[in-house]
C-alpha atoms as a PDB file:
ATOM      1  CA  MET A   1      -0.018   0.011   0.030  1.00  0.00           C
ATOM      2  CA  ARG A   2       1.468   3.380  -0.969  1.00  0.00           C
ATOM      3  CA  VAL A   3       0.387   6.359   1.152  1.00  0.00           C
ATOM      4  CA  THR A   4       1.446   9.936   0.182  1.00  0.00           C
ATOM      5  CA  ASN A   5       0.600  11.668   3.485  1.00  0.00           C
ATOM      6  CA  TRP A   6       1.317   9.559   6.623  1.00  0.00           C
ATOM      7  CA  ALA A   7       0.517  12.606   8.718  1.00  0.00           C
ATOM      8  CA  TYR A   8      -3.186  11.761   8.530  1.00  0.00           C
ATOM      9  CA  GLY A   9      -2.528   8.187   9.551  1.00  0.00           C
ATOM     10  CA  VAL A  10      -3.702   4.980   7.879  1.00  0.00           C
ATOM     11  CA  GLN A  11      -6.693   3.185   9.321  1.00  0.00           C
ATOM     12  CA  ILE A  12      -8.056  -0.032   7.819  1.00  0.00           C
ATOM     13  CA  ALA A  13     -11.442  -1.170   9.014  1.00  0.00           C
ATOM     14  CA  GLN A  14     -11.826  -4.248   6.825  1.00  0.00           C
ATOM     15  CA  VAL A  15     -10.216  -6.213   4.118  1.00  0.00           C
ATOM     16  CA  HIS A  16     -12.351  -8.073   1.514  1.00  0.00           C
ATOM     17  CA  VAL A  17     -11.128 -10.951  -0.703  1.00  0.00           C
ATOM     18  CA  ALA A  18     -12.984 -12.836  -3.396  1.00  0.00           C
ATOM     19  CA  HIS A  19     -14.640 -16.097  -2.505  1.00  0.00           C
ATOM     20  CA  GLY A  20     -11.997 -18.837  -2.444  1.00  0.00           C
ATOM     21  CA  ASP A  21      -9.046 -16.377  -2.286  1.00  0.00           C
ATOM     22  CA  LYS A  22      -6.924 -15.808   0.822  1.00  0.00           C
ATOM     23  CA  LEU A  23      -4.337 -13.401   2.084  1.00  0.00           C
ATOM     24  CA  ILE A  24      -0.761 -14.384   1.933  1.00  0.00           C
ATOM     25  CA  LYS A  25       2.185 -13.579   4.100  1.00  0.00           C
ATOM     26  CA  LEU A  26       5.048 -11.841   2.251  1.00  0.00           C
ATOM     27  CA  PRO A  27       8.577 -13.317   2.757  1.00  0.00           C
ATOM     28  CA  ASN A  28      11.092 -11.391   4.908  1.00  0.00           C
ATOM     29  CA  PHE A  29      13.655  -9.361   2.998  1.00  0.00           C
ATOM     30  CA  GLY A  30      17.361 -10.004   3.455  1.00  0.00           C
ATOM     31  CA  ARG A  31      18.115  -6.396   4.147  1.00  0.00           C
ATOM     32  CA  THR A  32      16.379  -3.135   5.065  1.00  0.00           C
ATOM     33  CA  ILE A  33      17.069   0.511   4.518  1.00  0.00           C
ATOM     34  CA  GLU A  34      15.434   3.713   5.959  1.00  0.00           C
ATOM     35  CA  ILE A  35      15.697   6.715   3.639  1.00  0.00           C
ATOM     36  CA  ILE A  36      15.465  10.080   5.427  1.00  0.00           C
ATOM     37  CA  GLY A  37      15.458  13.261   3.443  1.00  0.00           C
ATOM     38  CA  ASP A  38      13.885  16.441   2.107  1.00  0.00           C
ATOM     39  CA  SER A  39      12.163  17.618  -1.101  1.00  0.00           C
ATOM     40  CA  LEU A  40      14.461  15.704  -3.409  1.00  0.00           C
ATOM     41  CA  THR A  41      13.836  12.459  -1.487  1.00  0.00           C
ATOM     42  CA  ALA A  42      10.112  13.069  -1.365  1.00  0.00           C
ATOM     43  CA  GLY A  43       9.819  13.820  -5.119  1.00  0.00           C
ATOM     44  CA  GLN A  44       8.394  17.279  -4.679  1.00  0.00           C
ATOM     45  CA  TYR A  45       7.423  18.780  -8.122  1.00  0.00           C
ATOM     46  CA  SER A  46       8.250  15.528  -9.899  1.00  0.00           C
ATOM     47  CA  THR A  47       5.849  13.742 -12.204  1.00  0.00           C
ATOM     48  CA  LEU A  48       3.912  11.189 -10.033  1.00  0.00           C
ATOM     49  CA  GLU A  49       5.721  12.666  -7.037  1.00  0.00           C
ATOM     50  CA  GLY A  50       6.544   9.883  -4.588  1.00  0.00           C
ATOM     51  CA  LEU A  51       6.697   7.164  -7.328  1.00  0.00           C
ATOM     52  CA  SER A  52       9.443   9.121  -9.276  1.00  0.00           C
ATOM     53  CA  SER A  53      11.357  10.368  -6.291  1.00  0.00           C
ATOM     54  CA  TYR A  54      15.006   9.732  -5.408  1.00  0.00           C
ATOM     55  CA  GLY A  55      13.933   7.750  -2.257  1.00  0.00           C
ATOM     56  CA  TYR A  56      11.649   5.456  -4.218  1.00  0.00           C
ATOM     57  CA  GLY A  57      14.125   4.908  -7.002  1.00  0.00           C
ATOM     58  CA  LEU A  58      16.905   3.968  -4.481  1.00  0.00           C
ATOM     59  CA  GLY A  59      14.665   1.596  -2.457  1.00  0.00           C
ATOM     60  CA  ALA A  60      13.066  -0.106  -5.378  1.00  0.00           C
ATOM     61  CA  GLY A  61      16.358  -0.119  -7.408  1.00  0.00           C
ATOM     62  CA  LEU A  62      18.230  -2.106  -4.724  1.00  0.00           C
ATOM     63  CA  GLY A  63      15.987  -5.069  -5.277  1.00  0.00           C
ATOM     64  CA  ASN A  64      14.992  -7.610  -2.591  1.00  0.00           C
ATOM     65  CA  THR A  65      15.228  -4.813   0.011  1.00  0.00           C
ATOM     66  CA  GLU A  66      12.524  -3.668   2.470  1.00  0.00           C
ATOM     67  CA  TYR A  67      12.635   0.175   2.609  1.00  0.00           C
ATOM     68  CA  SER A  68      10.826   3.055   4.210  1.00  0.00           C
ATOM     69  CA  ILE A  69      11.004   6.674   3.243  1.00  0.00           C
ATOM     70  CA  THR A  70      10.694   9.609   5.731  1.00  0.00           C
ATOM     71  CA  ALA A  71      10.893  12.821   3.736  1.00  0.00           C
ATOM     72  CA  TYR A  72       9.525  16.307   4.279  1.00  0.00           C
ATOM     73  CA  PRO A  73       9.870  18.948   1.531  1.00  0.00           C
ATOM     74  CA  GLY A  74      11.393  22.244   2.799  1.00  0.00           C
ATOM     75  CA  ILE A  75      12.938  20.792   5.948  1.00  0.00           C
ATOM     76  CA  CYS A  76      16.518  20.802   7.135  1.00  0.00           C
ATOM     77  CA  LEU A  77      18.111  17.636   8.656  1.00  0.00           C
ATOM     78  CA  PHE A  78      19.800  19.734  11.423  1.00  0.00           C
ATOM     79  CA  ASP A  79      18.689  22.498  13.870  1.00  0.00           C
ATOM     80  CA  LYS A  80      18.633  25.783  11.987  1.00  0.00           C
ATOM     81  CA  LEU A  81      16.024  28.139  10.353  1.00  0.00           C
ATOM     82  CA  CYS A  82      15.243  26.502   7.027  1.00  0.00           C
ATOM     83  CA  TRP A  83      12.447  27.653   4.741  1.00  0.00           C
ATOM     84  CA  GLY A  84      10.313  28.791   7.642  1.00  0.00           C
ATOM     85  CA  ASN A  85      10.870  25.733   9.860  1.00  0.00           C
ATOM     86  CA  LEU A  86      12.453  27.049  13.037  1.00  0.00           C
ATOM     87  CA  ARG A  87      13.913  23.866  14.398  1.00  0.00           C
ATOM     88  CA  GLY A  88      14.654  21.737  11.317  1.00  0.00           C
ATOM     89  CA  MET A  89      13.788  18.072  11.501  1.00  0.00           C
END
């Protein structure tokens, strides 16, 4: 499931499957990576935004890797005034 704004949270009340079908468990990946970044990582102003972002390209391009992306456009990764954000990330 791909969500573009985790700030609102993700809540699932029900999952429906067709008669005779069942949910499957995905296998564990051999490695994981967490990508933390800013507008470049988030894909701000890119076509299809998150799906053409640097973070998505890196995670998907590694192959057989579980990845998560935490990216906020206009934010600094350290403590300083950055594009109106007083405390950075």
